[in-house]
C-alpha atoms as a PDB file:
ATOM      1  CA  UNK A   1       0.000   0.000   0.000  1.00  0.00           C
ATOM      2  CA  UNK A   2       1.375   3.431  -0.918  1.00  0.00           C
ATOM      3  CA  UNK A   3       2.205   5.638   2.013  1.00  0.00           C
ATOM      4  CA  UNK A   4       1.623   9.392   2.208  1.00  0.00           C
ATOM      5  CA  UNK A   5       4.008  11.455   4.281  1.00  0.00           C
ATOM      6  CA  UNK A   6       3.506  15.181   4.801  1.00  0.00           C
ATOM      7  CA  UNK A   7       6.683  17.108   5.516  1.00  0.00           C
ATOM      8  CA  UNK A   8       7.405  20.688   6.516  1.00  0.00           C
ATOM      9  CA  UNK A   9       8.777  21.181   3.034  1.00  0.00           C
ATOM     10  CA  UNK A  10       5.430  20.144   1.501  1.00  0.00           C
ATOM     11  CA  UNK A  11       3.489  22.589   3.674  1.00  0.00           C
ATOM     12  CA  UNK A  12       5.883  25.422   2.860  1.00  0.00           C
ATOM     13  CA  UNK A  13       5.660  24.574  -0.830  1.00  0.00           C
ATOM     14  CA  UNK A  14       1.861  24.834  -0.782  1.00  0.00           C
ATOM     15  CA  UNK A  15       1.997  28.142   1.081  1.00  0.00           C
ATOM     16  CA  UNK A  16       4.672  29.446  -1.293  1.00  0.00           C
ATOM     17  CA  UNK A  17       2.568  28.576  -4.339  1.00  0.00           C
ATOM     18  CA  UNK A  18      -0.418  30.420  -2.874  1.00  0.00           C
ATOM     19  CA  UNK A  19       1.654  33.538  -2.136  1.00  0.00           C
ATOM     20  CA  UNK A  20       3.302  33.442  -5.575  1.00  0.00           C
ATOM     21  CA  UNK A  21      -0.058  33.210  -7.327  1.00  0.00           C
ATOM     22  CA  UNK A  22      -1.386  36.055  -5.221  1.00  0.00           C
ATOM     23  CA  UNK A  23       1.594  38.281  -6.094  1.00  0.00           C
ATOM     24  CA  UNK A  24       1.229  37.409  -9.771  1.00  0.00           C
ATOM     25  CA  UNK A  25      -2.436  38.337  -9.775  1.00  0.00           C
ATOM     26  CA  UNK A  26      -1.807  41.684  -8.057  1.00  0.00           C
ATOM     27  CA  UNK A  27       1.334  42.946  -9.779  1.00  0.00           C
ATOM     28  CA  UNK A  28       1.126  41.448 -13.277  1.00  0.00           C
ATOM     29  CA  UNK A  29      -2.517  40.851 -14.016  1.00  0.00           C
ATOM     30  CA  UNK A  30      -3.641  43.882 -11.990  1.00  0.00           C
ATOM     31  CA  UNK A  31      -6.372  41.864 -10.348  1.00  0.00           C
ATOM     32  CA  UNK A  32      -8.408  43.891  -7.899  1.00  0.00           C
ATOM     33  CA  UNK A  33      -8.053  43.255  -4.209  1.00  0.00           C
ATOM     34  CA  UNK A  34     -11.727  42.328  -4.042  1.00  0.00           C
ATOM     35  CA  UNK A  35     -11.288  39.621  -6.676  1.00  0.00           C
ATOM     36  CA  UNK A  36      -8.169  38.392  -4.972  1.00  0.00           C
ATOM     37  CA  UNK A  37     -10.019  38.098  -1.662  1.00  0.00           C
ATOM     38  CA  UNK A  38     -12.678  35.995  -3.365  1.00  0.00           C
ATOM     39  CA  UNK A  39     -10.000  33.733  -4.852  1.00  0.00           C
ATOM     40  CA  UNK A  40      -8.271  33.492  -1.481  1.00  0.00           C
ATOM     41  CA  UNK A  41     -11.537  32.582   0.197  1.00  0.00           C
ATOM     42  CA  UNK A  42     -11.656  29.555  -2.091  1.00  0.00           C
ATOM     43  CA  UNK A  43      -7.977  28.576  -2.309  1.00  0.00           C
ATOM     44  CA  UNK A  44      -6.978  28.903   1.361  1.00  0.00           C
ATOM     45  CA  UNK A  45      -9.749  26.625   2.727  1.00  0.00           C
ATOM     46  CA  UNK A  46      -8.985  24.064   0.012  1.00  0.00           C
ATOM     47  CA  UNK A  47      -5.307  24.145   0.961  1.00  0.00           C
ATOM     48  CA  UNK A  48      -6.202  23.717   4.625  1.00  0.00           C
ATOM     49  CA  UNK A  49      -8.396  20.726   3.740  1.00  0.00           C
ATOM     50  CA  UNK A  50      -5.516  19.198   1.745  1.00  0.00           C
ATOM     51  CA  UNK A  51      -3.108  19.574   4.673  1.00  0.00           C
ATOM     52  CA  UNK A  52      -5.679  18.160   7.119  1.00  0.00           C
ATOM     53  CA  UNK A  53      -6.377  15.119   4.921  1.00  0.00           C
ATOM     54  CA  UNK A  54      -2.645  14.481   4.352  1.00  0.00           C
ATOM     55  CA  UNK A  55      -2.004  14.586   8.095  1.00  0.00           C
ATOM     56  CA  UNK A  56      -4.864  12.165   8.727  1.00  0.00           C
ATOM     57  CA  UNK A  57      -3.553   9.757   6.083  1.00  0.00           C
ATOM     58  CA  UNK A  58      -0.049   9.968   7.536  1.00  0.00           C
ATOM     59  CA  UNK A  59      -1.317   9.312  11.054  1.00  0.00           C
ATOM     60  CA  UNK A  60      -3.458   6.418   9.857  1.00  0.00           C
ATOM     61  CA  UNK A  61      -0.503   4.844   8.096  1.00  0.00           C
ATOM     62  CA  UNK A  62       1.571   5.023  11.300  1.00  0.00           C
ATOM     63  CA  UNK A  63      -1.234   3.435  13.313  1.00  0.00           C
ATOM     64  CA  UNK A  64      -1.626   0.616  10.792  1.00  0.00           C
ATOM     65  CA  UNK A  65       2.118  -0.009  10.881  1.00  0.00           C
ATOM     66  CA  UNK A  66       2.126  -0.163  14.676  1.00  0.00           C
ATOM     67  CA  UNK A  67      -0.840  -2.564  14.743  1.00  0.00           C
ATOM     68  CA  UNK A  68       0.763  -4.867  12.144  1.00  0.00           C
ATOM     69  CA  UNK A  69       4.131  -4.882  13.927  1.00  0.00           C
ATOM     70  CA  UNK A  70       2.450  -5.643  17.248  1.00  0.00           C
ATOM     71  CA  UNK A  71       0.579  -8.568  15.702  1.00  0.00           C
ATOM     72  CA  UNK A  72       3.727 -10.056  14.161  1.00  0.00           C
ATOM     73  CA  UNK A  73       5.823  -9.434  17.270  1.00  0.00           C
ATOM     74  CA  UNK A  74       3.263 -11.291  19.375  1.00  0.00           C
ATOM     75  CA  UNK A  75       3.361 -14.234  16.974  1.00  0.00           C
ATOM     76  CA  UNK A  76       7.158 -14.298  17.394  1.00  0.00           C
ATOM     77  CA  UNK A  77       6.906 -14.279  21.176  1.00  0.00           C
ATOM     78  CA  UNK A  78       8.231 -10.727  21.507  1.00  0.00           C
ATOM     79  CA  UNK A  79       6.813  -8.163  23.913  1.00  0.00           C
ATOM     80  CA  UNK A  80       5.686  -4.893  22.335  1.00  0.00           C
ATOM     81  CA  UNK A  81       5.753  -1.263  23.477  1.00  0.00           C
ATOM     82  CA  UNK A  82       4.424   1.335  21.039  1.00  0.00           C
ATOM     83  CA  UNK A  83       5.900   4.337  22.869  1.00  0.00           C
ATOM     84  CA  UNK A  84       9.061   3.380  24.826  1.00  0.00           C
ATOM     85  CA  UNK A  85      10.611   6.035  27.071  1.00  0.00           C
ATOM     86  CA  UNK A  86      13.833   7.989  26.558  1.00  0.00           C
ATOM     87  CA  UNK A  87      15.816   6.235  29.348  1.00  0.00           C
ATOM     88  CA  UNK A  88      15.323   2.943  27.501  1.00  0.00           C
ATOM     89  CA  UNK A  89      16.751   4.441  24.314  1.00  0.00           C
ATOM     90  CA  UNK A  90      19.650   5.947  26.276  1.00  0.00           C
ATOM     91  CA  UNK A  91      20.540   2.490  27.608  1.00  0.00           C
ATOM     92  CA  UNK A  92      20.913   1.206  24.026  1.00  0.00           C
ATOM     93  CA  UNK A  93      23.023   4.069  22.693  1.00  0.00           C
ATOM     94  CA  UNK A  94      26.584   3.565  23.978  1.00  0.00           C
ATOM     95  CA  UNK A  95      29.070   2.566  21.306  1.00  0.00           C
ATOM     96  CA  UNK A  96      26.820   2.884  18.245  1.00  0.00           C
ATOM     97  CA  UNK A  97      27.436   5.546  15.617  1.00  0.00           C
ATOM     98  CA  UNK A  98      23.827   5.490  14.415  1.00  0.00           C
ATOM     99  CA  UNK A  99      22.671   7.257  17.563  1.00  0.00           C
ATOM    100  CA  UNK A 100      25.099  10.146  16.963  1.00  0.00           C
ATOM    101  CA  UNK A 101      23.583  11.037  13.593  1.00  0.00           C
ATOM    102  CA  UNK A 102      21.004  13.694  12.887  1.00  0.00           C
ATOM    103  CA  UNK A 103      19.804  16.870  14.537  1.00  0.00           C
ATOM    104  CA  UNK A 104      17.264  17.616  17.206  1.00  0.00           C
ATOM    105  CA  UNK A 105      14.945  15.080  18.783  1.00  0.00           C
ATOM    106  CA  UNK A 106      15.070  11.481  17.528  1.00  0.00           C
ATOM    107  CA  UNK A 107      12.051   9.217  17.033  1.00  0.00           C
ATOM    108  CA  UNK A 108      11.925   5.949  18.975  1.00  0.00           C
ATOM    109  CA  UNK A 109       8.834   3.780  18.486  1.00  0.00           C
ATOM    110  CA  UNK A 110       7.462   0.264  18.218  1.00  0.00           C
ATOM    111  CA  UNK A 111       9.902  -1.375  20.626  1.00  0.00           C
ATOM    112  CA  UNK A 112       9.950  -5.197  20.641  1.00  0.00           C
ATOM    113  CA  UNK A 113      11.868  -7.378  23.074  1.00  0.00           C
ATOM    114  CA  UNK A 114      12.539 -11.104  22.724  1.00  0.00           C
ATOM    115  CA  UNK A 115      15.085 -13.666  21.560  1.00  0.00           C
ATOM    116  CA  UNK A 116      16.690 -14.476  18.216  1.00  0.00           C
ATOM    117  CA  UNK A 117      19.024 -17.387  17.624  1.00  0.00           C
ATOM    118  CA  UNK A 118      19.642 -17.922  21.320  1.00  0.00           C
ATOM    119  CA  UNK A 119      20.531 -14.282  21.930  1.00  0.00           C
ATOM    120  CA  UNK A 120      18.490 -11.536  23.557  1.00  0.00           C
ATOM    121  CA  UNK A 121      17.180  -9.179  20.889  1.00  0.00           C
ATOM    122  CA  UNK A 122      15.357  -5.872  20.732  1.00  0.00           C
ATOM    123  CA  UNK A 123      13.819  -4.396  17.591  1.00  0.00           C
ATOM    124  CA  UNK A 124      12.468  -0.892  17.082  1.00  0.00           C
ATOM    125  CA  UNK A 125      11.819   1.910  14.618  1.00  0.00           C
ATOM    126  CA  UNK A 126      14.324   4.749  14.899  1.00  0.00           C
ATOM    127  CA  UNK A 127      14.427   8.051  13.060  1.00  0.00           C
ATOM    128  CA  UNK A 128      16.244  11.367  13.020  1.00  0.00           C
ATOM    129  CA  UNK A 129      16.412  14.511  10.893  1.00  0.00           C
ATOM    130  CA  UNK A 130      19.156  15.993   8.731  1.00  0.00           C
ATOM    131  CA  UNK A 131      19.360  19.425   7.162  1.00  0.00           C
ATOM    132  CA  UNK A 132      19.042  19.516   3.392  1.00  0.00           C
ATOM    133  CA  UNK A 133      19.333  22.352   0.891  1.00  0.00           C
ATOM    134  CA  UNK A 134      17.493  22.861  -2.373  1.00  0.00           C
ATOM    135  CA  UNK A 135      18.662  26.063  -3.967  1.00  0.00           C
ATOM    136  CA  UNK A 136      18.071  28.753  -1.355  1.00  0.00           C
ATOM    137  CA  UNK A 137      15.619  26.605   0.606  1.00  0.00           C
ATOM    138  CA  UNK A 138      16.713  24.794   3.750  1.00  0.00           C
ATOM    139  CA  UNK A 139      14.573  22.012   5.180  1.00  0.00           C
ATOM    140  CA  UNK A 140      14.747  18.982   7.468  1.00  0.00           C
ATOM    141  CA  UNK A 141      14.596  15.520   5.951  1.00  0.00           C
ATOM    142  CA  UNK A 142      13.441  12.525   7.987  1.00  0.00           C
ATOM    143  CA  UNK A 143      15.712   9.456   7.983  1.00  0.00           C
ATOM    144  CA  UNK A 144      14.103   6.242   9.239  1.00  0.00           C
ATOM    145  CA  UNK A 145      15.474   2.811  10.082  1.00  0.00           C
ATOM    146  CA  UNK A 146      14.298  -0.434  11.605  1.00  0.00           C
ATOM    147  CA  UNK A 147      16.920  -1.556  14.103  1.00  0.00           C
ATOM    148  CA  UNK A 148      17.719  -4.893  15.747  1.00  0.00           C
ATOM    149  CA  UNK A 149      20.254  -5.055  18.594  1.00  0.00           C
ATOM    150  CA  UNK A 150      21.419  -8.474  19.792  1.00  0.00           C
ATOM    151  CA  UNK A 151      23.402  -9.073  22.956  1.00  0.00           C
ATOM    152  CA  UNK A 152      25.723 -11.924  23.843  1.00  0.00           C
ATOM    153  CA  UNK A 153      27.455 -11.517  27.220  1.00  0.00           C
ATOM    154  CA  UNK A 154      30.349 -13.808  26.359  1.00  0.00           C
ATOM    155  CA  UNK A 155      31.737 -11.648  23.557  1.00  0.00           C
ATOM    156  CA  UNK A 156      33.524  -8.316  23.454  1.00  0.00           C
ATOM    157  CA  UNK A 157      33.420  -6.870  19.959  1.00  0.00           C
ATOM    158  CA  UNK A 158      35.687  -4.020  18.902  1.00  0.00           C
ATOM    159  CA  UNK A 159      33.800  -1.025  17.592  1.00  0.00           C
ATOM    160  CA  UNK A 160      33.136  -1.408  13.870  1.00  0.00           C
ATOM    161  CA  UNK A 161      30.712  -0.438  11.129  1.00  0.00           C
ATOM    162  CA  UNK A 162      30.060  -2.518   8.017  1.00  0.00           C
ATOM    163  CA  UNK A 163      28.000  -1.586   4.982  1.00  0.00           C
ATOM    164  CA  UNK A 164      28.023  -2.177   1.250  1.00  0.00           C
ATOM    165  CA  UNK A 165      30.420  -0.085  -0.795  1.00  0.00           C
ATOM    166  CA  UNK A 166      28.411   2.490  -2.752  1.00  0.00           C
ATOM    167  CA  UNK A 167      29.480   5.373  -4.950  1.00  0.00           C
ATOM    168  CA  UNK A 168      30.442   7.605  -2.006  1.00  0.00           C
ATOM    169  CA  UNK A 169      32.730   4.943  -0.566  1.00  0.00           C
ATOM    170  CA  UNK A 170      34.305   4.243  -3.952  1.00  0.00           C
ATOM    171  CA  UNK A 171      35.075   7.951  -4.300  1.00  0.00           C
ATOM    172  CA  UNK A 172      36.673   7.905  -0.852  1.00  0.00           C
ATOM    173  CA  UNK A 173      38.802   4.946  -1.925  1.00  0.00           C
ATOM    174  CA  UNK A 174      39.898   6.859  -5.001  1.00  0.00           C
ATOM    175  CA  UNK A 175      41.029   9.918  -3.030  1.00  0.00           C
ATOM    176  CA  UNK A 176      42.866   7.823  -0.462  1.00  0.00           C
ATOM    177  CA  UNK A 177      40.268   7.639   2.343  1.00  0.00           C
ATOM    178  CA  UNK A 178      40.545   3.884   2.708  1.00  0.00           C
ATOM    179  CA  UNK A 179      38.596   1.553   4.950  1.00  0.00           C
ATOM    180  CA  UNK A 180      39.809  -1.628   6.664  1.00  0.00           C
ATOM    181  CA  UNK A 181      40.427  -4.465   4.204  1.00  0.00           C
ATOM    182  CA  UNK A 182      40.779  -7.946   5.761  1.00  0.00           C
ATOM    183  CA  UNK A 183      43.762  -9.832   4.449  1.00  0.00           C
ATOM    184  CA  UNK A 184      43.507 -12.155   1.439  1.00  0.00           C
ATOM    185  CA  UNK A 185      39.909 -11.283   0.486  1.00  0.00           C
ATOM    186  CA  UNK A 186      39.854  -8.857  -2.464  1.00  0.00           C
ATOM    187  CA  UNK A 187      36.170  -9.565  -3.196  1.00  0.00           C
ATOM    188  CA  UNK A 188      35.165  -8.447   0.288  1.00  0.00           C
ATOM    189  CA  UNK A 189      37.313  -5.337  -0.106  1.00  0.00           C
ATOM    190  CA  UNK A 190      35.680  -4.640  -3.462  1.00  0.00           C
ATOM    191  CA  UNK A 191      32.066  -4.801  -2.253  1.00  0.00           C
ATOM    192  CA  UNK A 192      32.143  -3.927   1.467  1.00  0.00           C
ATOM    193  CA  UNK A 193      33.101  -0.824   3.447  1.00  0.00           C
ATOM    194  CA  UNK A 194      34.455  -1.636   6.913  1.00  0.00           C
ATOM    195  CA  UNK A 195      35.579   0.954   9.475  1.00  0.00           C
ATOM    196  CA  UNK A 196      36.532   1.028  13.165  1.00  0.00           C
ATOM    197  CA  UNK A 197      38.868   2.858  15.552  1.00  0.00           C
ATOM    198  CA  UNK A 198      41.033  -0.194  16.309  1.00  0.00           C
ATOM    199  CA  UNK A 199      42.031  -1.398  12.859  1.00  0.00           C
ATOM    200  CA  UNK A 200      44.064  -4.365  14.101  1.00  0.00           C
ATOM    201  CA  UNK A 201      41.220  -5.688  16.302  1.00  0.00           C
ATOM    202  CA  UNK A 202      38.640  -5.242  13.541  1.00  0.00           C
ATOM    203  CA  UNK A 203      40.820  -7.016  10.990  1.00  0.00           C
ATOM    204  CA  UNK A 204      41.308  -9.914  13.424  1.00  0.00           C
ATOM    205  CA  UNK A 205      37.524 -10.148  13.954  1.00  0.00           C
ATOM    206  CA  UNK A 206      36.815 -10.362  10.234  1.00  0.00           C
ATOM    207  CA  UNK A 207      38.367 -13.735   9.493  1.00  0.00           C
ATOM    208  CA  UNK A 208      37.512 -15.905   6.461  1.00  0.00           C
ATOM    209  CA  UNK A 209      34.271 -17.258   7.942  1.00  0.00           C
ATOM    210  CA  UNK A 210      32.927 -13.742   8.493  1.00  0.00           C
ATOM    211  CA  UNK A 211      34.088 -12.191   5.237  1.00  0.00           C
ATOM    212  CA  UNK A 212      32.682 -15.131   3.282  1.00  0.00           C
ATOM    213  CA  UNK A 213      29.171 -14.238   4.480  1.00  0.00           C
ATOM    214  CA  UNK A 214      29.416 -10.709   3.039  1.00  0.00           C
ATOM    215  CA  UNK A 215      31.860 -11.181   0.186  1.00  0.00           C
ATOM    216  CA  UNK A 216      29.679 -10.083  -2.737  1.00  0.00           C
ATOM    217  CA  UNK A 217      27.866  -7.349  -0.804  1.00  0.00           C
ATOM    218  CA  UNK A 218      24.379  -8.805  -1.414  1.00  0.00           C
ATOM    219  CA  UNK A 219      23.827  -9.549   2.303  1.00  0.00           C
ATOM    220  CA  UNK A 220      24.376  -5.840   2.991  1.00  0.00           C
ATOM    221  CA  UNK A 221      21.789  -4.510   0.559  1.00  0.00           C
ATOM    222  CA  UNK A 222      19.978  -1.763   2.548  1.00  0.00           C
ATOM    223  CA  UNK A 223      21.668  -3.129   5.688  1.00  0.00           C
ATOM    224  CA  UNK A 224      24.249  -1.607   8.040  1.00  0.00           C
ATOM    225  CA  UNK A 225      25.955  -3.549  10.849  1.00  0.00           C
ATOM    226  CA  UNK A 226      27.706  -2.111  13.904  1.00  0.00           C
ATOM    227  CA  UNK A 227      29.528  -3.795  16.767  1.00  0.00           C
ATOM    228  CA  UNK A 228      30.101  -2.529  20.305  1.00  0.00           C
ATOM    229  CA  UNK A 229      31.204  -4.811  23.141  1.00  0.00           C
ATOM    230  CA  UNK A 230      28.625  -7.507  23.805  1.00  0.00           C
ATOM    231  CA  UNK A 231      26.135  -5.979  21.373  1.00  0.00           C
ATOM    232  CA  UNK A 232      25.703  -6.148  17.625  1.00  0.00           C
ATOM    233  CA  UNK A 233      23.409  -3.774  15.776  1.00  0.00           C
ATOM    234  CA  UNK A 234      21.787  -4.823  12.506  1.00  0.00           C
ATOM    235  CA  UNK A 235      19.626  -2.166  10.896  1.00  0.00           C
ATOM    236  CA  UNK A 236      17.683  -1.643   7.710  1.00  0.00           C
ATOM    237  CA  UNK A 237      17.990   1.622   5.806  1.00  0.00           C
ATOM    238  CA  UNK A 238      14.346   2.686   5.816  1.00  0.00           C
ATOM    239  CA  UNK A 239      11.531   0.946   7.673  1.00  0.00           C
ATOM    240  CA  UNK A 240      10.964  -2.723   6.978  1.00  0.00           C
ATOM    241  CA  UNK A 241       7.442  -3.803   6.114  1.00  0.00           C
ATOM    242  CA  UNK A 242       5.674  -5.419   9.085  1.00  0.00           C
ATOM    243  CA  UNK A 243       5.256  -8.664   7.136  1.00  0.00           C
ATOM    244  CA  UNK A 244       9.046  -8.852   6.847  1.00  0.00           C
ATOM    245  CA  UNK A 245       9.670  -8.652  10.601  1.00  0.00           C
ATOM    246  CA  UNK A 246      10.261 -12.376  11.123  1.00  0.00           C
ATOM    247  CA  UNK A 247      12.783 -12.641   8.263  1.00  0.00           C
ATOM    248  CA  UNK A 248      14.527  -9.457   9.367  1.00  0.00           C
ATOM    249  CA  UNK A 249      15.045 -10.696  12.943  1.00  0.00           C
ATOM    250  CA  UNK A 250      16.070 -14.138  11.694  1.00  0.00           C
ATOM    251  CA  UNK A 251      18.759 -12.652   9.421  1.00  0.00           C
ATOM    252  CA  UNK A 252      19.967 -10.431  12.256  1.00  0.00           C
ATOM    253  CA  UNK A 253      20.315 -13.486  14.494  1.00  0.00           C
ATOM    254  CA  UNK A 254      22.295 -15.363  11.842  1.00  0.00           C
ATOM    255  CA  UNK A 255      24.678 -12.440  11.368  1.00  0.00           C
ATOM    256  CA  UNK A 256      25.110 -11.981  15.114  1.00  0.00           C
ATOM    257  CA  UNK A 257      26.128 -15.618  15.547  1.00  0.00           C
ATOM    258  CA  UNK A 258      28.974 -15.089  13.068  1.00  0.00           C
ATOM    259  CA  UNK A 259      30.577 -12.827  15.646  1.00  0.00           C
ATOM    260  CA  UNK A 260      30.300 -15.240  18.571  1.00  0.00           C
END
């Protein structure tokens, strides 16, 4: 089902169009103020109705997503909390770069708690905002992810981040901003971008068994993986569909087991 999302940029665009048309009518077509008031009396209410309907659709889509996730989480044996509190999010943050991104208040919703592959696992929707520019216009863009964090007390992972190598990373390679390339695996180095503060520890962690799982980059399509101590984060760029929750958590569990 297509989703409608109203942003601040959309609202400002509508308002800008109305003001531009009004200025055009007054200064170029010499429309009388009386006529302009009549036009405004029609256009402004219609614009308000459009914004109201778009907000209702957006809110309805979020409610349907929450209901579907709750249903699937229950079937998986996970507990569900639609609106978790900030202290819970703060307890998950240490060591993960994802939580340092963005500006202003983050969005933390649809928290699920259970087990995956013998490890404790939590899953949730997380979002933040980044500033974007379009010509002279500045606006905030929403960035959303579905996140799974798995914990295994017996391991102590060095900090690392793994994602597929896209155009930006290839450009960085070209200008000498290299990542960490495990030894004797040129295919992994070709398709994957691996970073971390302790290069030696990260390279030791990514032995042949681990690099084999990601060698062609396909397992990292729309996926980013981070490690921090006993925890491994596996997140999807963009929200997953509720029907894909079981597969998403299963894949996260499989990846986590690669790291002990």
